[in-house]
Amino acid sequence: MKRVAILISGGGSNMLALLRDMAGDHPARPVLVASNDPEAGGLAKAAALGIATAALDHRAWPDRESFEAALAEAIDASGADLICLAGFMRILTPGFIRRYQGRMLNIHPSLLPKYPGLHTHARALAAGDAEAGCTVHEVTADLDAGPILGQARVPILPGDTEDSLAARVLTMEHRLYPAVLRRFAAGDRSPLSLP
């Protein structure tokens, strides 16, 4: 049974999707939800489900490395085998990523390699793309460029706005991320594609 730490910065909707799926015959169980923002709404939601939480305000440390050392200490103390980034809005240093190489997943709201970074929905609309979607990938030192573990596609509809597209993509994120984690925790790294 793999133990999973989930890192968040906000309300934790993808975190909740992961937590709800990790039950029954799932090959993983959650052991920690940590956030760089003590006010992140997802912390209370995780605590209400009986999951251990850690609030590590990144502004309380003098630099990124010392914040990440404290974060790594919390992760390691939880016994986590895998880490899922779920709306964690901090860029991680190569040293932190190396420490958990091959054990850290992220979800990104575009069909990578298209639109790494921010403002993915605006960029897809501005480009006139016919579809958008989301990607779960392994985290590497290159931003949003690790091996792709799963993708889900969403058509871009006439009249779509950033908000309407984001809402449809988020619905698919909540399906894709749990499905990929379930496979990854069981040792299956082959890419998954959802329509």
N, C-alpha and C. Protein backbone atom coordinates (compact mmCIF):
# COMPACT_ATOMS: atom_id res chain seq x y z
N MET A 1 0.84 -1.19 0.00
CA MET A 1 0.00 0.00 0.00
C MET A 1 0.88 1.25 0.00
N LYS A 2 0.74 2.08 -1.02
CA LYS A 2 1.52 3.31 -1.11
C LYS A 2 0.88 4.39 -0.24
N ARG A 3 1.72 5.22 0.36
CA ARG A 3 1.24 6.33 1.17
C ARG A 3 1.45 7.63 0.40
N VAL A 4 0.43 8.48 0.40
CA VAL A 4 0.41 9.65 -0.48
C VAL A 4 0.32 10.93 0.33
N ALA A 5 1.21 11.88 0.03
CA ALA A 5 1.12 13.25 0.52
C ALA A 5 0.61 14.13 -0.61
N ILE A 6 -0.33 15.01 -0.32
CA ILE A 6 -0.90 15.90 -1.33
C ILE A 6 -0.54 17.33 -0.94
N LEU A 7 0.02 18.09 -1.89
CA LEU A 7 0.40 19.47 -1.64
C LEU A 7 -0.58 20.40 -2.35
N ILE A 8 -1.11 21.37 -1.60
CA ILE A 8 -2.13 22.29 -2.12
C ILE A 8 -1.75 23.73 -1.78
N SER A 9 -2.42 24.67 -2.45
CA SER A 9 -2.29 26.09 -2.10
C SER A 9 -3.65 26.76 -1.94
N GLY A 10 -4.74 26.07 -2.28
CA GLY A 10 -6.05 26.69 -2.27
C GLY A 10 -7.15 25.80 -1.73
N GLY A 11 -8.27 25.81 -2.43
CA GLY A 11 -9.47 25.13 -1.96
C GLY A 11 -9.41 23.63 -1.99
N GLY A 12 -8.55 23.08 -2.84
CA GLY A 12 -8.31 21.65 -2.82
C GLY A 12 -9.34 20.79 -3.53
N SER A 13 -9.89 21.25 -4.65
CA SER A 13 -10.89 20.41 -5.33
C SER A 13 -10.27 19.15 -5.91
N ASN A 14 -9.06 19.24 -6.49
CA ASN A 14 -8.39 18.03 -6.97
C ASN A 14 -7.95 17.15 -5.80
N MET A 15 -7.54 17.77 -4.70
CA MET A 15 -7.21 17.01 -3.50
C MET A 15 -8.40 16.16 -3.05
N LEU A 16 -9.59 16.78 -3.02
CA LEU A 16 -10.79 16.05 -2.60
C LEU A 16 -11.09 14.88 -3.54
N ALA A 17 -10.91 15.10 -4.85
CA ALA A 17 -11.13 14.01 -5.81
C ALA A 17 -10.18 12.85 -5.52
N LEU A 18 -8.92 13.17 -5.21
CA LEU A 18 -7.94 12.13 -4.90
C LEU A 18 -8.30 11.42 -3.58
N LEU A 19 -8.63 12.21 -2.56
CA LEU A 19 -8.95 11.62 -1.25
C LEU A 19 -10.15 10.69 -1.34
N ARG A 20 -11.18 11.10 -2.06
CA ARG A 20 -12.40 10.29 -2.16
C ARG A 20 -12.14 8.98 -2.89
N ASP A 21 -11.17 9.00 -3.83
CA ASP A 21 -10.89 7.79 -4.61
C ASP A 21 -10.02 6.79 -3.84
N MET A 22 -9.22 7.29 -2.89
CA MET A 22 -8.28 6.41 -2.18
C MET A 22 -8.99 5.65 -1.07
N ALA A 23 -9.81 4.69 -1.46
CA ALA A 23 -10.57 3.87 -0.52
C ALA A 23 -10.72 2.49 -1.13
N GLY A 24 -11.28 1.58 -0.38
CA GLY A 24 -11.56 0.25 -0.91
C GLY A 24 -10.32 -0.44 -1.42
N ASP A 25 -10.37 -0.88 -2.69
CA ASP A 25 -9.26 -1.66 -3.26
C ASP A 25 -8.16 -0.77 -3.85
N HIS A 26 -8.20 0.53 -3.60
CA HIS A 26 -7.18 1.45 -4.13
C HIS A 26 -5.81 1.07 -3.56
N PRO A 27 -4.75 1.10 -4.40
CA PRO A 27 -3.42 0.69 -3.92
C PRO A 27 -2.69 1.77 -3.12
N ALA A 28 -3.38 2.86 -2.77
CA ALA A 28 -2.74 3.94 -2.01
C ALA A 28 -3.71 4.50 -0.97
N ARG A 29 -3.12 5.16 0.03
CA ARG A 29 -3.90 5.82 1.07
C ARG A 29 -3.26 7.18 1.37
N PRO A 30 -4.08 8.19 1.65
CA PRO A 30 -3.53 9.51 1.98
C PRO A 30 -2.97 9.54 3.40
N VAL A 31 -1.81 10.15 3.57
CA VAL A 31 -1.23 10.28 4.91
C VAL A 31 -1.00 11.73 5.31
N LEU A 32 -1.06 12.67 4.35
CA LEU A 32 -0.78 14.07 4.66
C LEU A 32 -1.35 14.97 3.56
N VAL A 33 -1.93 16.09 3.99
CA VAL A 33 -2.21 17.20 3.08
C VAL A 33 -1.45 18.40 3.64
N ALA A 34 -0.56 18.97 2.82
CA ALA A 34 0.26 20.10 3.26
C ALA A 34 0.03 21.28 2.34
N SER A 35 0.14 22.48 2.91
CA SER A 35 -0.03 23.69 2.11
C SER A 35 1.01 24.73 2.48
N ASN A 36 1.38 25.54 1.49
CA ASN A 36 2.26 26.68 1.73
C ASN A 36 1.47 27.90 2.20
N ASP A 37 0.14 27.78 2.26
CA ASP A 37 -0.73 28.87 2.68
C ASP A 37 -1.60 28.39 3.85
N PRO A 38 -1.36 28.88 5.06
CA PRO A 38 -2.14 28.44 6.21
C PRO A 38 -3.64 28.69 6.07
N GLU A 39 -4.02 29.62 5.17
CA GLU A 39 -5.43 29.94 4.96
C GLU A 39 -6.07 29.09 3.86
N ALA A 40 -5.32 28.19 3.27
CA ALA A 40 -5.85 27.35 2.17
C ALA A 40 -7.08 26.58 2.65
N GLY A 41 -8.18 26.74 1.93
CA GLY A 41 -9.43 26.11 2.32
C GLY A 41 -9.36 24.59 2.34
N GLY A 42 -8.47 24.03 1.54
CA GLY A 42 -8.35 22.58 1.47
C GLY A 42 -7.86 21.95 2.76
N LEU A 43 -7.13 22.70 3.59
CA LEU A 43 -6.61 22.14 4.85
C LEU A 43 -7.76 21.73 5.77
N ALA A 44 -8.77 22.59 5.91
CA ALA A 44 -9.92 22.27 6.77
C ALA A 44 -10.70 21.10 6.20
N LYS A 45 -10.82 21.05 4.87
CA LYS A 45 -11.56 19.94 4.23
C LYS A 45 -10.85 18.61 4.49
N ALA A 46 -9.51 18.61 4.39
CA ALA A 46 -8.75 17.38 4.64
C ALA A 46 -8.86 16.97 6.10
N ALA A 47 -8.74 17.94 7.01
CA ALA A 47 -8.83 17.65 8.44
C ALA A 47 -10.20 17.07 8.78
N ALA A 48 -11.25 17.60 8.14
CA ALA A 48 -12.61 17.10 8.39
C ALA A 48 -12.76 15.65 7.96
N LEU A 49 -11.92 15.20 7.02
CA LEU A 49 -11.94 13.81 6.57
C LEU A 49 -10.97 12.93 7.37
N GLY A 50 -10.35 13.52 8.39
CA GLY A 50 -9.45 12.75 9.24
C GLY A 50 -8.05 12.60 8.71
N ILE A 51 -7.67 13.44 7.73
CA ILE A 51 -6.32 13.37 7.14
C ILE A 51 -5.41 14.34 7.89
N ALA A 52 -4.20 13.91 8.23
CA ALA A 52 -3.23 14.81 8.87
C ALA A 52 -2.90 15.97 7.94
N THR A 53 -2.75 17.17 8.49
CA THR A 53 -2.43 18.34 7.68
C THR A 53 -1.21 19.05 8.23
N ALA A 54 -0.58 19.82 7.36
CA ALA A 54 0.56 20.67 7.75
C ALA A 54 0.44 21.99 7.01
N ALA A 55 0.47 23.09 7.76
CA ALA A 55 0.42 24.43 7.17
C ALA A 55 1.80 25.04 7.33
N LEU A 56 2.48 25.25 6.21
CA LEU A 56 3.84 25.79 6.22
C LEU A 56 3.85 27.07 5.39
N ASP A 57 3.65 28.20 6.03
CA ASP A 57 3.60 29.48 5.32
C ASP A 57 4.98 29.78 4.73
N HIS A 58 5.06 29.74 3.40
CA HIS A 58 6.38 29.91 2.76
C HIS A 58 7.01 31.27 3.08
N ARG A 59 6.18 32.26 3.47
CA ARG A 59 6.71 33.60 3.78
C ARG A 59 7.45 33.62 5.12
N ALA A 60 7.31 32.55 5.91
CA ALA A 60 7.95 32.51 7.22
C ALA A 60 9.42 32.08 7.14
N TRP A 61 9.87 31.65 5.96
CA TRP A 61 11.26 31.21 5.79
C TRP A 61 12.01 32.25 4.96
N PRO A 62 13.31 32.37 5.20
CA PRO A 62 14.07 33.41 4.50
C PRO A 62 14.30 33.13 3.01
N ASP A 63 14.22 31.87 2.62
CA ASP A 63 14.45 31.55 1.21
C ASP A 63 13.72 30.26 0.85
N ARG A 64 13.71 29.97 -0.44
CA ARG A 64 12.99 28.81 -0.96
C ARG A 64 13.56 27.50 -0.40
N GLU A 65 14.88 27.43 -0.28
CA GLU A 65 15.51 26.19 0.17
C GLU A 65 15.13 25.84 1.61
N SER A 66 15.09 26.85 2.48
CA SER A 66 14.74 26.55 3.88
C SER A 66 13.26 26.20 4.01
N PHE A 67 12.40 26.83 3.21
CA PHE A 67 10.98 26.44 3.19
C PHE A 67 10.86 24.98 2.72
N GLU A 68 11.56 24.64 1.65
CA GLU A 68 11.47 23.28 1.11
C GLU A 68 12.05 22.25 2.08
N ALA A 69 13.05 22.64 2.85
CA ALA A 69 13.60 21.71 3.86
C ALA A 69 12.52 21.39 4.90
N ALA A 70 11.77 22.39 5.31
CA ALA A 70 10.69 22.16 6.28
C ALA A 70 9.58 21.33 5.66
N LEU A 71 9.27 21.60 4.40
CA LEU A 71 8.24 20.84 3.70
C LEU A 71 8.66 19.37 3.55
N ALA A 72 9.91 19.15 3.18
CA ALA A 72 10.43 17.78 3.04
C ALA A 72 10.40 17.06 4.38
N GLU A 73 10.69 17.77 5.45
CA GLU A 73 10.65 17.17 6.79
C GLU A 73 9.23 16.67 7.11
N ALA A 74 8.23 17.50 6.79
CA ALA A 74 6.83 17.10 7.05
C ALA A 74 6.44 15.91 6.17
N ILE A 75 6.85 15.94 4.91
CA ILE A 75 6.53 14.83 4.00
C ILE A 75 7.18 13.54 4.48
N ASP A 76 8.47 13.62 4.82
CA ASP A 76 9.19 12.42 5.25
C ASP A 76 8.65 11.88 6.58
N ALA A 77 8.25 12.78 7.48
CA ALA A 77 7.69 12.35 8.77
C ALA A 77 6.37 11.62 8.58
N SER A 78 5.65 11.93 7.49
CA SER A 78 4.36 11.27 7.23
C SER A 78 4.55 9.86 6.67
N GLY A 79 5.77 9.55 6.23
CA GLY A 79 6.03 8.25 5.63
C GLY A 79 5.55 8.14 4.19
N ALA A 80 5.29 9.28 3.54
CA ALA A 80 4.75 9.27 2.18
C ALA A 80 5.71 8.61 1.19
N ASP A 81 5.15 7.76 0.34
CA ASP A 81 5.89 7.16 -0.77
C ASP A 81 5.76 8.00 -2.03
N LEU A 82 4.58 8.63 -2.20
CA LEU A 82 4.27 9.41 -3.39
C LEU A 82 3.79 10.80 -2.98
N ILE A 83 4.03 11.77 -3.86
CA ILE A 83 3.56 13.14 -3.63
C ILE A 83 2.72 13.55 -4.82
N CYS A 84 1.54 14.09 -4.54
CA CYS A 84 0.67 14.63 -5.58
C CYS A 84 0.55 16.14 -5.40
N LEU A 85 1.00 16.89 -6.39
CA LEU A 85 0.78 18.33 -6.40
C LEU A 85 -0.63 18.57 -6.93
N ALA A 86 -1.45 19.27 -6.16
CA ALA A 86 -2.84 19.50 -6.54
C ALA A 86 -3.15 20.98 -6.33
N GLY A 87 -2.75 21.79 -7.30
CA GLY A 87 -2.92 23.23 -7.15
C GLY A 87 -1.90 23.82 -6.19
N PHE A 88 -0.71 23.24 -6.16
CA PHE A 88 0.38 23.76 -5.32
C PHE A 88 1.10 24.83 -6.13
N MET A 89 0.99 26.09 -5.70
CA MET A 89 1.42 27.21 -6.53
C MET A 89 2.82 27.73 -6.18
N ARG A 90 3.71 26.82 -5.90
CA ARG A 90 5.10 27.19 -5.67
C ARG A 90 5.97 26.42 -6.66
N ILE A 91 6.90 27.13 -7.29
CA ILE A 91 7.88 26.46 -8.14
C ILE A 91 8.88 25.78 -7.22
N LEU A 92 9.10 24.48 -7.44
CA LEU A 92 10.01 23.71 -6.59
C LEU A 92 11.43 23.72 -7.17
N THR A 93 12.41 23.75 -6.30
CA THR A 93 13.80 23.79 -6.76
C THR A 93 14.22 22.42 -7.29
N PRO A 94 15.24 22.39 -8.15
CA PRO A 94 15.75 21.11 -8.65
C PRO A 94 16.17 20.17 -7.53
N GLY A 95 16.71 20.70 -6.43
CA GLY A 95 17.13 19.84 -5.33
C GLY A 95 15.95 19.11 -4.69
N PHE A 96 14.85 19.82 -4.49
CA PHE A 96 13.66 19.20 -3.91
C PHE A 96 13.10 18.15 -4.87
N ILE A 97 13.06 18.50 -6.14
CA ILE A 97 12.52 17.58 -7.14
C ILE A 97 13.38 16.32 -7.22
N ARG A 98 14.70 16.47 -7.19
CA ARG A 98 15.59 15.30 -7.22
C ARG A 98 15.33 14.38 -6.04
N ARG A 99 15.07 14.96 -4.88
CA ARG A 99 14.83 14.17 -3.66
C ARG A 99 13.66 13.20 -3.83
N TYR A 100 12.64 13.63 -4.62
CA TYR A 100 11.43 12.80 -4.79
C TYR A 100 11.24 12.37 -6.25
N GLN A 101 12.34 12.38 -7.01
CA GLN A 101 12.27 12.04 -8.44
C GLN A 101 11.58 10.69 -8.65
N GLY A 102 10.64 10.66 -9.60
CA GLY A 102 9.93 9.43 -9.92
C GLY A 102 8.80 9.10 -8.96
N ARG A 103 8.60 9.97 -7.96
CA ARG A 103 7.56 9.72 -6.96
C ARG A 103 6.62 10.91 -6.81
N MET A 104 6.74 11.91 -7.70
CA MET A 104 5.96 13.13 -7.56
C MET A 104 5.16 13.40 -8.84
N LEU A 105 3.85 13.59 -8.68
CA LEU A 105 2.94 13.83 -9.80
C LEU A 105 2.37 15.23 -9.71
N ASN A 106 1.97 15.77 -10.87
CA ASN A 106 1.32 17.07 -10.94
C ASN A 106 0.21 17.00 -11.97
N ILE A 107 -0.82 17.81 -11.77
CA ILE A 107 -1.85 17.97 -12.80
C ILE A 107 -1.77 19.39 -13.33
N HIS A 108 -1.88 19.49 -14.65
CA HIS A 108 -1.73 20.79 -15.32
C HIS A 108 -2.92 20.99 -16.26
N PRO A 109 -3.52 22.20 -16.28
CA PRO A 109 -4.74 22.42 -17.08
C PRO A 109 -4.49 22.75 -18.55
N SER A 110 -3.70 21.93 -19.21
CA SER A 110 -3.57 22.01 -20.67
C SER A 110 -3.14 20.65 -21.18
N LEU A 111 -3.18 20.50 -22.50
CA LEU A 111 -2.70 19.28 -23.14
C LEU A 111 -1.21 19.46 -23.42
N LEU A 112 -0.42 19.22 -22.39
CA LEU A 112 1.03 19.36 -22.56
C LEU A 112 1.52 18.50 -23.72
N PRO A 113 2.53 18.95 -24.46
CA PRO A 113 3.44 20.05 -24.17
C PRO A 113 2.89 21.45 -24.49
N LYS A 114 1.64 21.56 -24.94
CA LYS A 114 1.07 22.89 -25.18
C LYS A 114 0.84 23.61 -23.86
N TYR A 115 1.19 24.88 -23.82
CA TYR A 115 0.85 25.81 -22.75
C TYR A 115 1.31 25.41 -21.36
N PRO A 116 2.62 25.18 -21.18
CA PRO A 116 3.12 25.04 -19.81
C PRO A 116 2.97 26.37 -19.07
N GLY A 117 3.05 26.34 -17.75
CA GLY A 117 2.97 27.59 -16.99
C GLY A 117 1.53 28.03 -16.77
N LEU A 118 1.35 29.34 -16.72
CA LEU A 118 0.06 29.93 -16.33
C LEU A 118 -0.79 30.35 -17.53
N HIS A 119 -2.03 30.74 -17.24
CA HIS A 119 -2.97 31.31 -18.22
C HIS A 119 -3.25 30.36 -19.39
N THR A 120 -3.36 29.07 -19.08
CA THR A 120 -3.49 28.06 -20.13
C THR A 120 -4.78 28.23 -20.93
N HIS A 121 -5.89 28.54 -20.27
CA HIS A 121 -7.17 28.61 -20.99
C HIS A 121 -7.20 29.82 -21.91
N ALA A 122 -6.70 30.94 -21.44
CA ALA A 122 -6.63 32.15 -22.29
C ALA A 122 -5.76 31.88 -23.51
N ARG A 123 -4.67 31.18 -23.31
CA ARG A 123 -3.76 30.91 -24.43
C ARG A 123 -4.41 29.97 -25.45
N ALA A 124 -5.15 28.96 -24.96
CA ALA A 124 -5.83 28.04 -25.88
C ALA A 124 -6.90 28.77 -26.68
N LEU A 125 -7.65 29.65 -26.02
CA LEU A 125 -8.69 30.42 -26.72
C LEU A 125 -8.07 31.38 -27.73
N ALA A 126 -7.00 32.07 -27.33
CA ALA A 126 -6.35 33.04 -28.23
C ALA A 126 -5.78 32.36 -29.46
N ALA A 127 -5.34 31.11 -29.30
CA ALA A 127 -4.76 30.37 -30.43
C ALA A 127 -5.83 29.80 -31.36
N GLY A 128 -7.10 29.86 -30.94
CA GLY A 128 -8.17 29.29 -31.75
C GLY A 128 -8.19 27.78 -31.75
N ASP A 129 -7.68 27.17 -30.70
CA ASP A 129 -7.64 25.71 -30.62
C ASP A 129 -9.05 25.12 -30.63
N ALA A 130 -9.17 23.91 -31.17
CA ALA A 130 -10.46 23.22 -31.19
C ALA A 130 -10.71 22.45 -29.90
N GLU A 131 -9.63 22.16 -29.15
CA GLU A 131 -9.79 21.43 -27.90
C GLU A 131 -8.77 21.90 -26.89
N ALA A 132 -9.12 21.65 -25.62
CA ALA A 132 -8.22 21.91 -24.51
C ALA A 132 -8.22 20.64 -23.67
N GLY A 133 -7.76 20.74 -22.44
CA GLY A 133 -7.78 19.55 -21.59
C GLY A 133 -6.82 19.68 -20.44
N CYS A 134 -6.44 18.54 -19.89
CA CYS A 134 -5.54 18.52 -18.75
C CYS A 134 -4.59 17.34 -18.87
N THR A 135 -3.48 17.45 -18.14
CA THR A 135 -2.41 16.45 -18.20
C THR A 135 -1.92 16.14 -16.80
N VAL A 136 -1.75 14.86 -16.49
CA VAL A 136 -1.03 14.46 -15.29
C VAL A 136 0.35 14.00 -15.74
N HIS A 137 1.38 14.52 -15.07
CA HIS A 137 2.75 14.19 -15.47
C HIS A 137 3.62 14.03 -14.24
N GLU A 138 4.73 13.31 -14.45
CA GLU A 138 5.75 13.25 -13.41
C GLU A 138 6.43 14.60 -13.32
N VAL A 139 6.78 15.01 -12.12
CA VAL A 139 7.45 16.29 -11.93
C VAL A 139 8.95 16.11 -12.15
N THR A 140 9.49 16.97 -13.01
CA THR A 140 10.94 17.03 -13.24
C THR A 140 11.38 18.48 -13.05
N ALA A 141 12.67 18.70 -13.14
CA ALA A 141 13.20 20.05 -12.94
C ALA A 141 12.73 21.03 -14.02
N ASP A 142 12.32 20.53 -15.17
CA ASP A 142 11.79 21.39 -16.23
C ASP A 142 10.29 21.58 -16.01
N LEU A 143 9.85 22.82 -15.91
CA LEU A 143 8.46 23.14 -15.57
C LEU A 143 7.48 22.49 -16.55
N ASP A 144 6.56 21.70 -16.00
CA ASP A 144 5.48 21.07 -16.76
C ASP A 144 5.99 20.26 -17.95
N ALA A 145 7.16 19.63 -17.79
CA ALA A 145 7.76 18.92 -18.92
C ALA A 145 8.10 17.46 -18.62
N GLY A 146 7.66 16.94 -17.48
CA GLY A 146 7.98 15.55 -17.13
C GLY A 146 7.18 14.57 -17.94
N PRO A 147 7.52 13.28 -17.85
CA PRO A 147 6.80 12.25 -18.61
C PRO A 147 5.30 12.31 -18.37
N ILE A 148 4.53 12.26 -19.46
CA ILE A 148 3.08 12.35 -19.39
C ILE A 148 2.50 11.01 -18.97
N LEU A 149 1.66 11.03 -17.94
CA LEU A 149 1.03 9.82 -17.41
C LEU A 149 -0.45 9.72 -17.78
N GLY A 150 -1.03 10.82 -18.20
CA GLY A 150 -2.44 10.79 -18.59
C GLY A 150 -2.91 12.13 -19.11
N GLN A 151 -3.87 12.08 -20.05
CA GLN A 151 -4.47 13.30 -20.57
C GLN A 151 -5.96 13.09 -20.77
N ALA A 152 -6.71 14.18 -20.60
CA ALA A 152 -8.14 14.18 -20.88
C ALA A 152 -8.44 15.40 -21.75
N ARG A 153 -9.27 15.19 -22.76
CA ARG A 153 -9.55 16.24 -23.74
C ARG A 153 -10.95 16.82 -23.54
N VAL A 154 -11.05 18.11 -23.82
CA VAL A 154 -12.31 18.84 -23.68
C VAL A 154 -12.47 19.70 -24.93
N PRO A 155 -13.61 19.61 -25.64
CA PRO A 155 -13.77 20.47 -26.80
C PRO A 155 -13.91 21.93 -26.40
N ILE A 156 -13.37 22.81 -27.20
CA ILE A 156 -13.60 24.24 -27.01
C ILE A 156 -14.84 24.60 -27.82
N LEU A 157 -15.83 25.16 -27.14
CA LEU A 157 -17.13 25.44 -27.76
C LEU A 157 -17.21 26.88 -28.21
N PRO A 158 -18.03 27.15 -29.23
CA PRO A 158 -18.23 28.54 -29.64
C PRO A 158 -18.72 29.36 -28.45
N GLY A 159 -18.16 30.53 -28.27
CA GLY A 159 -18.57 31.40 -27.17
C GLY A 159 -17.92 31.08 -25.84
N ASP A 160 -17.01 30.09 -25.82
CA ASP A 160 -16.33 29.77 -24.57
C ASP A 160 -15.55 30.98 -24.04
N THR A 161 -15.56 31.14 -22.74
CA THR A 161 -14.71 32.11 -22.05
C THR A 161 -13.66 31.33 -21.27
N GLU A 162 -12.70 32.06 -20.71
CA GLU A 162 -11.72 31.39 -19.85
C GLU A 162 -12.42 30.62 -18.74
N ASP A 163 -13.43 31.25 -18.14
CA ASP A 163 -14.11 30.64 -17.00
C ASP A 163 -14.91 29.40 -17.40
N SER A 164 -15.63 29.48 -18.51
CA SER A 164 -16.44 28.32 -18.92
C SER A 164 -15.55 27.16 -19.32
N LEU A 165 -14.46 27.46 -20.02
CA LEU A 165 -13.52 26.41 -20.40
C LEU A 165 -12.84 25.82 -19.17
N ALA A 166 -12.41 26.69 -18.26
CA ALA A 166 -11.74 26.22 -17.04
C ALA A 166 -12.64 25.28 -16.24
N ALA A 167 -13.94 25.60 -16.19
CA ALA A 167 -14.88 24.77 -15.41
C ALA A 167 -15.00 23.38 -16.03
N ARG A 168 -15.06 23.30 -17.37
CA ARG A 168 -15.17 21.99 -18.02
C ARG A 168 -13.87 21.20 -17.89
N VAL A 169 -12.74 21.88 -17.99
CA VAL A 169 -11.45 21.20 -17.82
C VAL A 169 -11.32 20.68 -16.39
N LEU A 170 -11.74 21.48 -15.40
CA LEU A 170 -11.64 21.06 -14.00
C LEU A 170 -12.44 19.78 -13.74
N THR A 171 -13.61 19.68 -14.35
CA THR A 171 -14.42 18.46 -14.21
C THR A 171 -13.63 17.25 -14.69
N MET A 172 -12.89 17.40 -15.79
CA MET A 172 -12.08 16.29 -16.30
C MET A 172 -10.86 16.04 -15.42
N GLU A 173 -10.30 17.11 -14.83
CA GLU A 173 -9.17 16.92 -13.90
C GLU A 173 -9.59 16.00 -12.77
N HIS A 174 -10.82 16.19 -12.27
CA HIS A 174 -11.30 15.40 -11.14
C HIS A 174 -11.50 13.93 -11.50
N ARG A 175 -11.63 13.62 -12.78
CA ARG A 175 -11.70 12.23 -13.24
C ARG A 175 -10.30 11.68 -13.52
N LEU A 176 -9.48 12.50 -14.19
CA LEU A 176 -8.18 12.02 -14.67
C LEU A 176 -7.19 11.77 -13.53
N TYR A 177 -7.05 12.73 -12.62
CA TYR A 177 -6.00 12.62 -11.60
C TYR A 177 -6.19 11.36 -10.73
N PRO A 178 -7.40 11.09 -10.22
CA PRO A 178 -7.56 9.86 -9.44
C PRO A 178 -7.27 8.59 -10.25
N ALA A 179 -7.68 8.59 -11.52
CA ALA A 179 -7.45 7.40 -12.37
C ALA A 179 -5.96 7.17 -12.57
N VAL A 180 -5.20 8.24 -12.81
CA VAL A 180 -3.76 8.10 -13.02
C VAL A 180 -3.07 7.69 -11.73
N LEU A 181 -3.45 8.30 -10.60
CA LEU A 181 -2.81 7.94 -9.33
C LEU A 181 -3.05 6.47 -9.01
N ARG A 182 -4.25 6.00 -9.24
CA ARG A 182 -4.57 4.58 -8.97
C ARG A 182 -3.62 3.67 -9.76
N ARG A 183 -3.42 3.97 -11.05
CA ARG A 183 -2.54 3.16 -11.89
C ARG A 183 -1.08 3.32 -11.46
N PHE A 184 -0.66 4.56 -11.20
CA PHE A 184 0.73 4.84 -10.85
C PHE A 184 1.10 4.14 -9.53
N ALA A 185 0.20 4.18 -8.56
CA ALA A 185 0.46 3.55 -7.26
C ALA A 185 0.58 2.03 -7.39
N ALA A 186 -0.05 1.49 -8.43
CA ALA A 186 0.03 0.04 -8.68
C ALA A 186 1.22 -0.32 -9.58
N GLY A 187 2.02 0.68 -9.96
CA GLY A 187 3.21 0.42 -10.76
C GLY A 187 3.03 0.58 -12.25
N ASP A 188 1.88 1.09 -12.69
CA ASP A 188 1.60 1.26 -14.12
C ASP A 188 1.84 2.71 -14.52
N ARG A 189 2.92 2.92 -15.29
CA ARG A 189 3.25 4.29 -15.73
C ARG A 189 2.88 4.52 -17.19
N SER A 190 2.15 3.61 -17.79
CA SER A 190 1.76 3.81 -19.19
C SER A 190 0.71 4.92 -19.26
N PRO A 191 0.80 5.78 -20.29
CA PRO A 191 -0.10 6.93 -20.37
C PRO A 191 -1.57 6.51 -20.52
N LEU A 192 -2.42 7.20 -19.79
CA LEU A 192 -3.87 6.99 -19.84
C LEU A 192 -4.49 8.13 -20.62
N SER A 193 -5.46 7.80 -21.47
CA SER A 193 -6.15 8.85 -22.23
C SER A 193 -7.65 8.74 -21.97
N LEU A 194 -8.22 9.85 -21.50
CA LEU A 194 -9.68 9.91 -21.34
C LEU A 194 -10.25 10.76 -22.47
N PRO A 195 -11.41 10.36 -23.00
CA PRO A 195 -11.98 11.14 -24.12
C PRO A 195 -12.40 12.52 -23.66
